[in-house]
Amino acid sequence: MPTDPTHFTLVAKQLLRGKVTPFLGAGVNLAGRAAGAKWERGHNLPSGSELARYLAESYAYPESDTDLLRISQYVDARLGEGVLYEELRDLFAAEYPPTDLHRFLAEMVPILRRVGARQQVMVTTNYDDLLENALTAAREEYDLLWYEAKSGDPNFGRFLHRAPGGAVEPIEVPNEWTGLDLLARPAILKLHGAVGTSADEDSFVITEDNYIDYLARSDVLNQIPKALQEPLTTTHFVFMGYSLRDWNLRVVLNRIWGQQKLSLHSWSIQLGATELDKSLWSSRGTVEIIAEDISTYVASLKAAVDACVSAMPAT
């Protein structure tokens, strides 16, 4: 059943007020891919399950499950973190074309600037750099923040920041840090690390031990700069590429919001949602499941944004 067109108008209007935060998971890498097509290195990125199967086959994982955390832990335990990081870098640092979703988010930057709204904080648990590439292709600057997951690193457990053209800077006192200007440019917040511009910047929350460390630490929200905490607690979210059956998302939500529910109505773009999905999302607050393919959803949302902008009075 097609989504009610008023949904897209409502979300578009909130987008144009700077009141929507996109939250991207590994499933967005399927956006625009032909049905039944497999991922290809350098052509499209893998989903979480595809990455799990690839690692399992590459490293002779002895079990039949496709649990990415467990398979990554196996590779780490048998061959070491260095081998796992080399494999992940080889995969994620390859050149991939941005999807329609990534291009749409980049196209929102000049639109938000034109209407005088706050730029978006784009949150993701993905490691790839498709958002960065889409913004660079659009000639838009951005701030990049990512979590340092390497336990031996002196900045372990902190977020790192790179401003446009700047060096990597650890955020040591999040409540006092003032390195962002969301009126000028958007920010990308990578909650599970990122593939860096060089191997020493790589960071991946991907093994069982990584997730245990992530859970054991104090509230991750306290490590996120204060300038980003407000968008994370007072905006609508559009979750794309997730099911709440995914442990990675549930860990993130628990670390950021604890037992609190999302304060504003949010949406999960998810085909084939089950009653369990609906129950899990409802436990996080008012989260409506929109049964749409991500590419179809993005096309409809883009049309609604264009219509809203066209209806605005000329300045």
Protein backbone atom coordinates (compact mmCIF):
# COMPACT_ATOMS: atom_id res chain seq x y z
CA MET A 1 0.00 0.00 0.00
CA PRO A 2 1.56 3.36 -1.04
CA THR A 3 2.57 5.72 1.73
CA ASP A 4 0.14 8.59 2.36
CA PRO A 5 1.55 11.60 0.40
CA THR A 6 0.94 13.86 3.40
CA HIS A 7 3.70 11.96 5.22
CA PHE A 8 6.30 13.23 2.76
CA THR A 9 4.98 16.79 2.98
CA LEU A 10 5.15 16.75 6.78
CA VAL A 11 8.68 15.30 6.84
CA ALA A 12 9.82 17.73 4.11
CA LYS A 13 8.57 20.72 6.10
CA GLN A 14 10.39 19.52 9.21
CA LEU A 15 13.52 18.89 7.13
CA LEU A 16 13.40 22.49 5.91
CA ARG A 17 13.23 23.66 9.53
CA GLY A 18 16.37 21.70 10.38
CA LYS A 19 14.35 19.43 12.64
CA VAL A 20 15.03 16.01 11.10
CA THR A 21 18.05 13.81 11.77
CA PRO A 22 18.77 10.99 9.29
CA PHE A 23 20.08 7.83 10.98
CA LEU A 24 21.71 5.43 8.52
CA GLY A 25 22.48 1.74 8.85
CA ALA A 26 24.12 -0.89 6.63
CA GLY A 27 20.85 -1.54 4.81
CA VAL A 28 21.15 1.78 2.97
CA ASN A 29 23.87 0.14 0.88
CA LEU A 30 21.10 -1.83 -0.83
CA ALA A 31 19.42 1.38 -2.03
CA GLY A 32 19.18 1.44 -5.80
CA ARG A 33 20.60 -2.07 -6.21
CA ALA A 34 18.71 -4.32 -8.63
CA ALA A 35 16.71 -7.09 -6.98
CA GLY A 36 18.85 -10.17 -6.55
CA ALA A 37 22.08 -8.36 -7.46
CA LYS A 38 25.07 -9.14 -5.24
CA TRP A 39 27.53 -6.61 -3.90
CA GLU A 40 30.72 -6.09 -5.86
CA ARG A 41 33.92 -4.53 -4.52
CA GLY A 42 34.30 -1.08 -6.05
CA HIS A 43 30.76 -1.16 -7.45
CA ASN A 44 28.47 -1.25 -4.41
CA LEU A 45 28.94 -1.73 -0.69
CA PRO A 46 27.80 -4.81 1.26
CA SER A 47 24.97 -4.95 3.72
CA GLY A 48 25.75 -6.26 7.20
CA SER A 49 24.76 -9.81 6.32
CA GLU A 50 26.78 -9.72 3.08
CA LEU A 51 29.85 -8.51 4.96
CA ALA A 52 29.39 -11.31 7.50
CA ARG A 53 29.20 -13.95 4.78
CA TYR A 54 32.24 -12.50 3.01
CA LEU A 55 34.38 -12.61 6.16
CA ALA A 56 33.13 -16.09 7.02
CA GLU A 57 34.08 -17.44 3.58
CA SER A 58 37.40 -15.58 3.45
CA TYR A 59 38.61 -16.81 6.84
CA ALA A 60 37.09 -20.32 7.03
CA TYR A 61 34.67 -19.50 9.83
CA PRO A 62 33.69 -22.93 11.20
CA GLU A 63 30.05 -22.25 12.09
CA SER A 64 26.98 -21.79 9.88
CA ASP A 65 25.59 -18.57 11.38
CA THR A 66 26.00 -15.13 9.78
CA ASP A 67 26.48 -13.09 12.96
CA LEU A 68 28.84 -10.27 11.92
CA LEU A 69 29.99 -9.57 15.48
CA ARG A 70 30.84 -13.20 16.14
CA ILE A 71 32.53 -13.75 12.77
CA SER A 72 34.61 -10.57 13.20
CA GLN A 73 35.56 -11.74 16.69
CA TYR A 74 36.70 -15.05 15.20
CA VAL A 75 38.95 -13.30 12.65
CA ASP A 76 40.36 -11.06 15.39
CA ALA A 77 40.99 -14.00 17.74
CA ARG A 78 42.60 -16.24 15.12
CA LEU A 79 44.69 -13.69 13.21
CA GLY A 80 44.67 -10.46 15.20
CA GLU A 81 43.03 -7.04 15.02
CA GLY A 82 45.57 -5.93 12.41
CA VAL A 83 44.40 -8.52 9.88
CA LEU A 84 40.74 -7.65 10.48
CA TYR A 85 41.49 -3.94 10.06
CA GLU A 86 43.46 -4.54 6.86
CA GLU A 87 40.57 -6.54 5.41
CA LEU A 88 38.00 -3.92 6.35
CA ARG A 89 40.14 -1.09 5.01
CA ASP A 90 40.67 -2.92 1.73
CA LEU A 91 36.92 -3.29 1.40
CA PHE A 92 35.66 0.10 2.62
CA ALA A 93 38.42 2.34 1.25
CA ALA A 94 37.67 1.31 -2.34
CA GLU A 95 35.84 3.82 -4.53
CA TYR A 96 32.06 3.38 -4.50
CA PRO A 97 29.43 5.62 -6.09
CA PRO A 98 27.08 7.36 -3.63
CA THR A 99 23.48 6.14 -3.65
CA ASP A 100 20.43 8.33 -4.33
CA LEU A 101 20.08 8.72 -0.57
CA HIS A 102 23.61 10.06 -0.10
CA ARG A 103 23.19 12.47 -3.02
CA PHE A 104 19.86 13.68 -1.63
CA LEU A 105 21.40 14.45 1.75
CA ALA A 106 24.18 16.41 0.03
CA GLU A 107 21.61 18.32 -2.03
CA MET A 108 19.86 19.39 1.18
CA VAL A 109 22.87 21.47 2.27
CA PRO A 110 22.40 24.44 -0.12
CA ILE A 111 18.62 24.22 0.30
CA LEU A 112 18.89 24.53 4.10
CA ARG A 113 21.38 27.35 3.67
CA ARG A 114 19.00 29.17 1.35
CA VAL A 115 16.06 28.95 3.77
CA GLY A 116 18.22 29.88 6.76
CA ALA A 117 17.78 26.59 8.64
CA ARG A 118 20.29 24.69 10.73
CA GLN A 119 22.28 22.14 8.77
CA GLN A 120 21.73 18.46 9.41
CA VAL A 121 23.59 16.17 11.74
CA MET A 122 23.77 12.95 9.73
CA VAL A 123 24.20 9.98 12.06
CA THR A 124 25.43 6.58 10.90
CA THR A 125 26.79 3.33 12.23
CA ASN A 126 28.38 2.61 8.83
CA TYR A 127 32.13 2.77 8.29
CA ASP A 128 32.13 3.81 4.62
CA ASP A 129 32.71 7.32 3.26
CA LEU A 130 29.77 7.60 0.83
CA LEU A 131 28.30 10.58 2.69
CA GLU A 132 31.66 12.35 2.60
CA ASN A 133 32.07 11.59 -1.11
CA ALA A 134 28.58 12.85 -1.92
CA LEU A 135 29.23 16.12 -0.07
CA THR A 136 32.64 16.53 -1.70
CA ALA A 137 31.13 15.94 -5.15
CA ALA A 138 28.56 18.64 -4.35
CA ARG A 139 31.42 20.96 -3.28
CA GLU A 140 30.05 21.24 0.23
CA GLU A 141 32.17 21.35 3.37
CA TYR A 142 31.33 19.28 6.44
CA ASP A 143 32.56 18.33 9.88
CA LEU A 144 33.37 14.67 10.45
CA LEU A 145 33.24 13.06 13.88
CA TRP A 146 33.89 9.40 14.59
CA TYR A 147 34.34 7.07 17.55
CA GLU A 148 37.79 5.69 18.36
CA ALA A 149 37.37 1.96 18.96
CA LYS A 150 40.99 0.73 19.07
CA SER A 151 41.57 -0.26 22.69
CA GLY A 152 45.30 0.50 22.54
CA ASP A 153 44.81 4.00 21.18
CA PRO A 154 45.29 6.90 23.64
CA ASN A 155 41.96 8.32 22.46
CA PHE A 156 40.05 5.08 22.94
CA GLY A 157 36.41 5.81 23.84
CA ARG A 158 36.55 9.40 22.61
CA PHE A 159 35.20 10.99 19.48
CA LEU A 160 37.64 12.44 16.99
CA HIS A 161 36.95 15.43 14.76
CA ARG A 162 38.16 16.68 11.44
CA ALA A 163 37.09 20.11 10.23
CA PRO A 164 37.22 20.97 6.50
CA GLY A 165 40.88 20.93 5.52
CA GLY A 166 41.94 20.39 9.12
CA ALA A 167 43.88 17.79 11.08
CA VAL A 168 42.33 15.13 13.31
CA GLU A 169 41.56 16.47 16.77
CA PRO A 170 40.47 14.38 19.78
CA ILE A 171 37.47 15.81 21.62
CA GLU A 172 38.76 15.66 25.16
CA VAL A 173 36.17 17.83 26.94
CA PRO A 174 32.91 17.38 25.01
CA ASN A 175 30.88 19.87 27.04
CA GLU A 176 33.41 22.64 26.37
CA TRP A 177 34.25 21.85 22.76
CA THR A 178 33.00 24.43 20.24
CA GLY A 179 34.36 23.21 16.91
CA LEU A 180 31.05 23.09 15.05
CA ASP A 181 28.92 25.65 13.22
CA LEU A 182 25.73 23.94 12.10
CA LEU A 183 24.45 27.15 10.53
CA ALA A 184 27.39 27.03 8.13
CA ARG A 185 27.87 23.35 7.33
CA PRO A 186 26.53 19.88 8.20
CA ALA A 187 28.14 17.33 10.46
CA ILE A 188 28.54 13.58 9.99
CA LEU A 189 28.55 11.61 13.23
CA LYS A 190 29.89 8.06 12.91
CA LEU A 191 28.96 6.21 16.07
CA HIS A 192 30.82 2.98 15.25
CA GLY A 193 34.01 4.38 13.80
CA ALA A 194 35.06 4.95 10.20
CA VAL A 195 37.50 4.09 7.48
CA GLY A 196 40.01 6.93 7.65
CA THR A 197 42.00 8.84 5.08
CA SER A 198 44.94 6.67 6.20
CA ALA A 199 45.12 3.29 7.94
CA ASP A 200 46.11 4.76 11.31
CA GLU A 201 42.79 6.66 11.40
CA ASP A 202 40.68 3.54 10.86
CA SER A 203 38.31 2.61 13.67
CA PHE A 204 35.72 -0.18 13.68
CA VAL A 205 33.23 -1.19 16.38
CA ILE A 206 32.59 -4.62 14.84
CA THR A 207 33.66 -7.51 17.10
CA GLU A 208 31.86 -8.89 20.14
CA ASP A 209 34.60 -7.42 22.35
CA ASN A 210 34.12 -4.02 20.70
CA TYR A 211 30.42 -4.10 21.55
CA ILE A 212 31.12 -5.22 25.11
CA ASP A 213 33.49 -2.27 25.51
CA TYR A 214 30.87 0.01 23.97
CA LEU A 215 28.24 -1.25 26.41
CA ALA A 216 30.54 -1.17 29.43
CA ARG A 217 31.55 2.45 28.98
CA SER A 218 29.60 5.30 30.54
CA ASP A 219 26.84 6.87 28.47
CA VAL A 220 28.26 7.51 25.00
CA LEU A 221 26.13 10.65 24.78
CA ASN A 222 28.51 12.22 27.32
CA GLN A 223 31.36 11.83 24.82
CA ILE A 224 29.42 13.49 22.02
CA PRO A 225 30.01 17.26 21.88
CA LYS A 226 27.29 19.34 23.50
CA ALA A 227 26.68 21.06 20.15
CA LEU A 228 25.40 17.73 18.78
CA GLN A 229 23.46 16.56 21.82
CA GLU A 230 20.60 18.95 21.17
CA PRO A 231 19.90 17.63 17.64
CA LEU A 232 20.13 14.08 19.01
CA THR A 233 17.47 14.70 21.65
CA THR A 234 15.09 17.28 20.13
CA THR A 235 14.60 16.31 16.49
CA HIS A 236 12.62 13.79 14.51
CA PHE A 237 14.62 10.79 13.31
CA VAL A 238 14.35 8.98 10.02
CA PHE A 239 15.93 5.55 10.50
CA MET A 240 17.01 3.98 7.20
CA GLY A 241 18.70 0.65 6.68
CA TYR A 242 17.82 -0.74 10.12
CA SER A 243 15.65 -3.25 11.86
CA LEU A 244 15.44 -3.02 15.63
CA ARG A 245 16.27 -6.72 15.60
CA ASP A 246 19.78 -5.51 14.73
CA TRP A 247 21.84 -5.50 17.91
CA ASN A 248 24.04 -2.66 16.72
CA LEU A 249 21.14 -0.23 16.61
CA ARG A 250 19.74 -1.36 19.94
CA VAL A 251 23.14 -0.88 21.56
CA VAL A 252 23.40 2.62 20.08
CA LEU A 253 19.91 3.63 21.20
CA ASN A 254 20.55 2.33 24.70
CA ARG A 255 23.90 4.12 24.93
CA ILE A 256 22.50 7.45 23.71
CA TRP A 257 19.03 7.52 25.23
CA GLY A 258 19.16 4.83 27.92
CA GLN A 259 15.58 3.95 28.85
CA GLN A 260 14.23 7.29 27.64
CA LYS A 261 11.90 7.30 24.67
CA LEU A 262 12.43 9.44 21.59
CA SER A 263 10.83 12.80 22.31
CA LEU A 264 9.36 13.51 18.86
CA HIS A 265 7.55 11.40 16.31
CA SER A 266 10.09 9.50 14.19
CA TRP A 267 10.03 7.07 11.27
CA SER A 268 11.69 3.81 10.30
CA ILE A 269 11.86 3.15 6.56
CA GLN A 270 11.62 -0.61 6.45
CA LEU A 271 10.09 -3.09 4.03
CA GLY A 272 8.74 -6.34 5.40
CA ALA A 273 8.46 -5.25 9.03
CA THR A 274 7.06 -7.89 11.39
CA GLU A 275 4.94 -7.51 14.51
CA LEU A 276 8.16 -7.94 16.51
CA ASP A 277 9.70 -5.00 14.64
CA LYS A 278 6.65 -2.86 15.38
CA SER A 279 6.74 -3.83 19.06
CA LEU A 280 10.46 -3.08 19.40
CA TRP A 281 10.14 0.29 17.70
CA SER A 282 7.12 1.28 19.78
CA SER A 283 9.17 0.60 22.93
CA ARG A 284 11.52 3.43 21.83
CA GLY A 285 8.71 6.00 21.52
CA THR A 286 6.45 7.01 18.66
CA VAL A 287 8.30 5.47 15.72
CA GLU A 288 6.13 4.83 12.68
CA ILE A 289 7.24 2.12 10.25
CA ILE A 290 7.04 3.24 6.62
CA ALA A 291 6.92 0.20 4.33
CA GLU A 292 8.90 1.62 1.43
CA ASP A 293 12.05 0.75 -0.47
CA ILE A 294 14.68 3.34 0.51
CA SER A 295 15.22 4.59 -3.06
CA THR A 296 11.47 4.96 -3.59
CA TYR A 297 11.13 6.76 -0.28
CA VAL A 298 13.98 9.15 -1.07
CA ALA A 299 12.50 9.99 -4.47
CA SER A 300 9.13 10.84 -2.90
CA LEU A 301 10.74 12.87 -0.12
CA LYS A 302 12.89 14.79 -2.60
CA ALA A 303 9.78 15.65 -4.65
CA ALA A 304 8.04 16.88 -1.48
CA VAL A 305 11.03 19.05 -0.53
CA ASP A 306 11.12 20.55 -4.03
CA ALA A 307 7.39 21.28 -3.84
CA CYS A 308 7.72 22.95 -0.43
CA VAL A 309 10.64 25.09 -1.61
CA SER A 310 8.74 26.13 -4.75
CA ALA A 311 5.76 27.19 -2.62
CA MET A 312 7.88 29.45 -0.41
CA PRO A 313 7.52 33.18 -1.04
CA ALA A 314 10.36 34.73 -3.03
CA THR A 315 12.85 36.72 -0.94
